[in-house]
């Protein structure tokens, strides 16, 4: 039974990586939205930004599923999105572990919705302002073993490592030296 499950994972990874990445990232976004609505949570701009990053991974994976000739570009975009997602998740975890005194000293950049920040400051200015974080980003409103930011970090690391391995196999074959 265990060997059958391992073989199924290996088969999915080898033959259906892009569609599995798309479905996984889409499921993460849908779960976050569902939990927000069921538990009446208010996601901060950094949390919304992680959803956009998972969305970028989903879109790039879906494009990679249909267009195989951009294999390397597809994997590099997923790797870049995963690295950015790791940076955002680490920032959220850092903010959530500050003392109340340190939280009080944070700028109020997190109070404005992400879409408004991007509209007001432009794309890069809005993202930079959101990345500064603020008191609302330091709140931990939900936990199941880990909180949202920690789960996001885990999934971004999984996407990064699995894509790096898939890229290595695609470029150099599966033989190890």
Protein backbone atom coordinates (compact mmCIF):
# COMPACT_ATOMS: atom_id res chain seq x y z
CA UNK A 1 0.00 0.00 0.00
CA UNK A 2 2.74 2.44 1.01
CA UNK A 3 4.77 1.57 -2.09
CA UNK A 4 1.68 2.16 -4.24
CA UNK A 5 1.23 5.65 -2.78
CA UNK A 6 4.91 6.48 -3.32
CA UNK A 7 4.67 5.30 -6.95
CA UNK A 8 1.57 7.45 -7.46
CA UNK A 9 3.43 10.54 -6.18
CA UNK A 10 6.43 9.77 -8.37
CA UNK A 11 4.19 9.35 -11.41
CA UNK A 12 2.35 12.59 -10.71
CA UNK A 13 5.63 14.46 -10.20
CA UNK A 14 7.21 13.04 -13.34
CA UNK A 15 4.25 13.30 -15.71
CA UNK A 16 1.81 15.86 -14.32
CA UNK A 17 3.96 18.38 -12.43
CA UNK A 18 2.46 21.51 -13.96
CA UNK A 19 -1.18 20.52 -13.46
CA UNK A 20 -0.43 19.38 -9.88
CA UNK A 21 1.25 22.74 -9.21
CA UNK A 22 -1.73 24.57 -10.68
CA UNK A 23 -4.24 22.59 -8.63
CA UNK A 24 -2.19 22.89 -5.44
CA UNK A 25 -1.73 26.66 -5.68
CA UNK A 26 -5.40 27.14 -6.62
CA UNK A 27 -6.51 25.01 -3.67
CA UNK A 28 -4.37 27.10 -1.30
CA UNK A 29 -5.98 30.32 -2.55
CA UNK A 30 -9.51 28.88 -2.34
CA UNK A 31 -8.88 27.54 1.17
CA UNK A 32 -7.58 30.93 2.35
CA UNK A 33 -10.62 32.73 0.90
CA UNK A 34 -12.98 30.13 2.36
CA UNK A 35 -11.43 30.39 5.83
CA UNK A 36 -11.57 34.20 5.64
CA UNK A 37 -15.28 34.06 4.93
CA UNK A 38 -16.15 31.27 7.38
CA UNK A 39 -14.12 32.67 10.28
CA UNK A 40 -14.72 36.36 9.47
CA UNK A 41 -10.99 37.03 9.15
CA UNK A 42 -9.57 40.19 7.59
CA UNK A 43 -6.46 39.46 5.56
CA UNK A 44 -3.70 42.07 5.71
CA UNK A 45 -1.96 43.32 2.53
CA UNK A 46 0.93 40.88 2.98
CA UNK A 47 -1.52 37.98 3.27
CA UNK A 48 -3.28 39.16 0.11
CA UNK A 49 0.12 39.45 -1.57
CA UNK A 50 0.89 35.79 -0.76
CA UNK A 51 -2.39 34.84 -2.44
CA UNK A 52 -1.37 36.78 -5.54
CA UNK A 53 1.97 34.97 -5.53
CA UNK A 54 0.22 31.59 -5.29
CA UNK A 55 -2.01 32.82 -8.13
CA UNK A 56 1.05 33.64 -10.21
CA UNK A 57 2.40 30.14 -9.57
CA UNK A 58 -0.96 28.67 -10.60
CA UNK A 59 -1.16 30.70 -13.83
CA UNK A 60 2.45 30.01 -14.81
CA UNK A 61 1.95 26.30 -14.08
CA UNK A 62 -1.20 26.16 -16.18
CA UNK A 63 0.55 27.91 -19.07
CA UNK A 64 3.45 25.46 -18.69
CA UNK A 65 1.00 22.57 -18.92
CA UNK A 66 -0.26 23.75 -22.31
CA UNK A 67 2.92 25.25 -23.76
CA UNK A 68 5.86 22.88 -23.30
CA UNK A 69 8.40 24.79 -25.41
CA UNK A 70 8.95 27.42 -22.67
CA UNK A 71 9.93 24.75 -20.13
CA UNK A 72 12.93 26.58 -18.65
CA UNK A 73 11.21 29.98 -18.56
CA UNK A 74 8.18 28.40 -16.92
CA UNK A 75 10.27 26.80 -14.17
CA UNK A 76 12.32 29.97 -13.63
CA UNK A 77 9.14 32.03 -13.18
CA UNK A 78 7.83 29.55 -10.61
CA UNK A 79 11.20 29.66 -8.83
CA UNK A 80 11.18 33.48 -8.75
CA UNK A 81 7.59 33.58 -7.50
CA UNK A 82 8.45 31.01 -4.82
CA UNK A 83 11.46 33.05 -3.65
CA UNK A 84 9.33 36.18 -3.46
CA UNK A 85 6.67 34.21 -1.58
CA UNK A 86 9.28 32.97 0.87
CA UNK A 87 10.42 36.56 1.46
CA UNK A 88 6.86 37.76 2.10
CA UNK A 89 6.08 34.80 4.39
CA UNK A 90 9.29 35.30 6.39
CA UNK A 91 8.41 39.01 6.79
CA UNK A 92 4.93 38.07 8.06
CA UNK A 93 6.37 35.54 10.52
CA UNK A 94 8.87 38.17 11.71
CA UNK A 95 6.08 40.71 12.25
CA UNK A 96 3.93 38.19 14.10
CA UNK A 97 6.74 37.47 16.54
CA UNK A 98 7.37 41.09 17.56
CA UNK A 99 6.67 42.28 21.09
CA UNK A 100 3.71 44.64 21.65
CA UNK A 101 6.16 47.54 22.09
CA UNK A 102 7.81 46.78 18.74
CA UNK A 103 4.42 46.42 17.05
CA UNK A 104 3.42 49.88 18.29
CA UNK A 105 6.48 51.35 16.52
CA UNK A 106 5.60 49.84 13.12
CA UNK A 107 4.51 52.15 10.28
CA UNK A 108 0.84 52.13 9.36
CA UNK A 109 1.53 50.90 5.80
CA UNK A 110 -0.48 47.77 6.37
CA UNK A 111 -3.78 49.54 7.09
CA UNK A 112 -4.48 50.43 3.47
CA UNK A 113 -5.73 47.57 1.24
CA UNK A 114 -3.11 46.23 -1.19
CA UNK A 115 -5.11 47.23 -4.27
CA UNK A 116 -5.39 50.81 -2.98
CA UNK A 117 -1.66 50.96 -2.23
CA UNK A 118 -0.83 49.78 -5.75
CA UNK A 119 -3.29 52.28 -7.25
CA UNK A 120 -1.95 55.15 -5.13
CA UNK A 121 1.80 54.40 -5.10
CA UNK A 122 2.12 52.46 -8.37
CA UNK A 123 2.95 48.77 -8.64
CA UNK A 124 6.45 48.77 -7.17
CA UNK A 125 5.75 51.53 -4.63
CA UNK A 126 2.61 49.77 -3.45
CA UNK A 127 4.38 46.43 -3.11
CA UNK A 128 7.28 48.08 -1.26
CA UNK A 129 4.88 49.89 1.07
CA UNK A 130 2.92 46.70 1.76
CA UNK A 131 6.17 44.80 2.39
CA UNK A 132 7.01 47.22 5.23
CA UNK A 133 4.14 45.68 7.15
CA UNK A 134 2.29 47.20 10.05
CA UNK A 135 0.27 46.40 13.15
CA UNK A 136 -2.50 44.57 11.27
CA UNK A 137 0.11 42.33 9.64
CA UNK A 138 1.43 41.42 13.09
CA UNK A 139 -1.91 39.94 14.18
CA UNK A 140 -2.20 36.18 14.20
CA UNK A 141 -5.87 35.42 13.77
CA UNK A 142 -5.91 31.72 12.89
CA UNK A 143 -3.81 28.67 13.68
CA UNK A 144 -3.96 24.99 12.76
CA UNK A 145 -0.61 23.64 13.92
CA UNK A 146 0.92 26.65 12.09
CA UNK A 147 -0.58 30.01 11.16
CA UNK A 148 -1.28 31.25 7.62
CA UNK A 149 2.19 32.74 7.16
CA UNK A 150 3.96 29.61 8.37
CA UNK A 151 1.86 27.39 6.12
CA UNK A 152 2.60 29.75 3.24
CA UNK A 153 6.32 29.50 3.94
CA UNK A 154 6.14 25.70 3.96
CA UNK A 155 4.29 25.59 0.63
CA UNK A 156 6.57 28.16 -1.02
CA UNK A 157 9.61 26.11 0.04
CA UNK A 158 7.97 22.97 -1.35
CA UNK A 159 7.26 24.75 -4.65
CA UNK A 160 10.81 26.09 -4.80
CA UNK A 161 12.53 22.77 -4.09
CA UNK A 162 10.26 20.66 -6.27
CA UNK A 163 10.61 23.10 -9.19
CA UNK A 164 14.40 23.22 -8.80
CA UNK A 165 14.52 19.43 -8.87
CA UNK A 166 12.15 19.29 -11.86
CA UNK A 167 14.26 21.87 -13.70
CA UNK A 168 17.47 19.92 -12.98
CA UNK A 169 15.88 16.69 -14.21
CA UNK A 170 14.52 18.43 -17.32
CA UNK A 171 17.85 19.96 -18.21
CA UNK A 172 20.34 17.30 -17.17
CA UNK A 173 18.31 14.09 -16.99
CA UNK A 174 17.59 12.02 -13.91
CA UNK A 175 21.05 10.53 -13.55
CA UNK A 176 22.97 11.64 -10.47
CA UNK A 177 26.74 11.93 -10.50
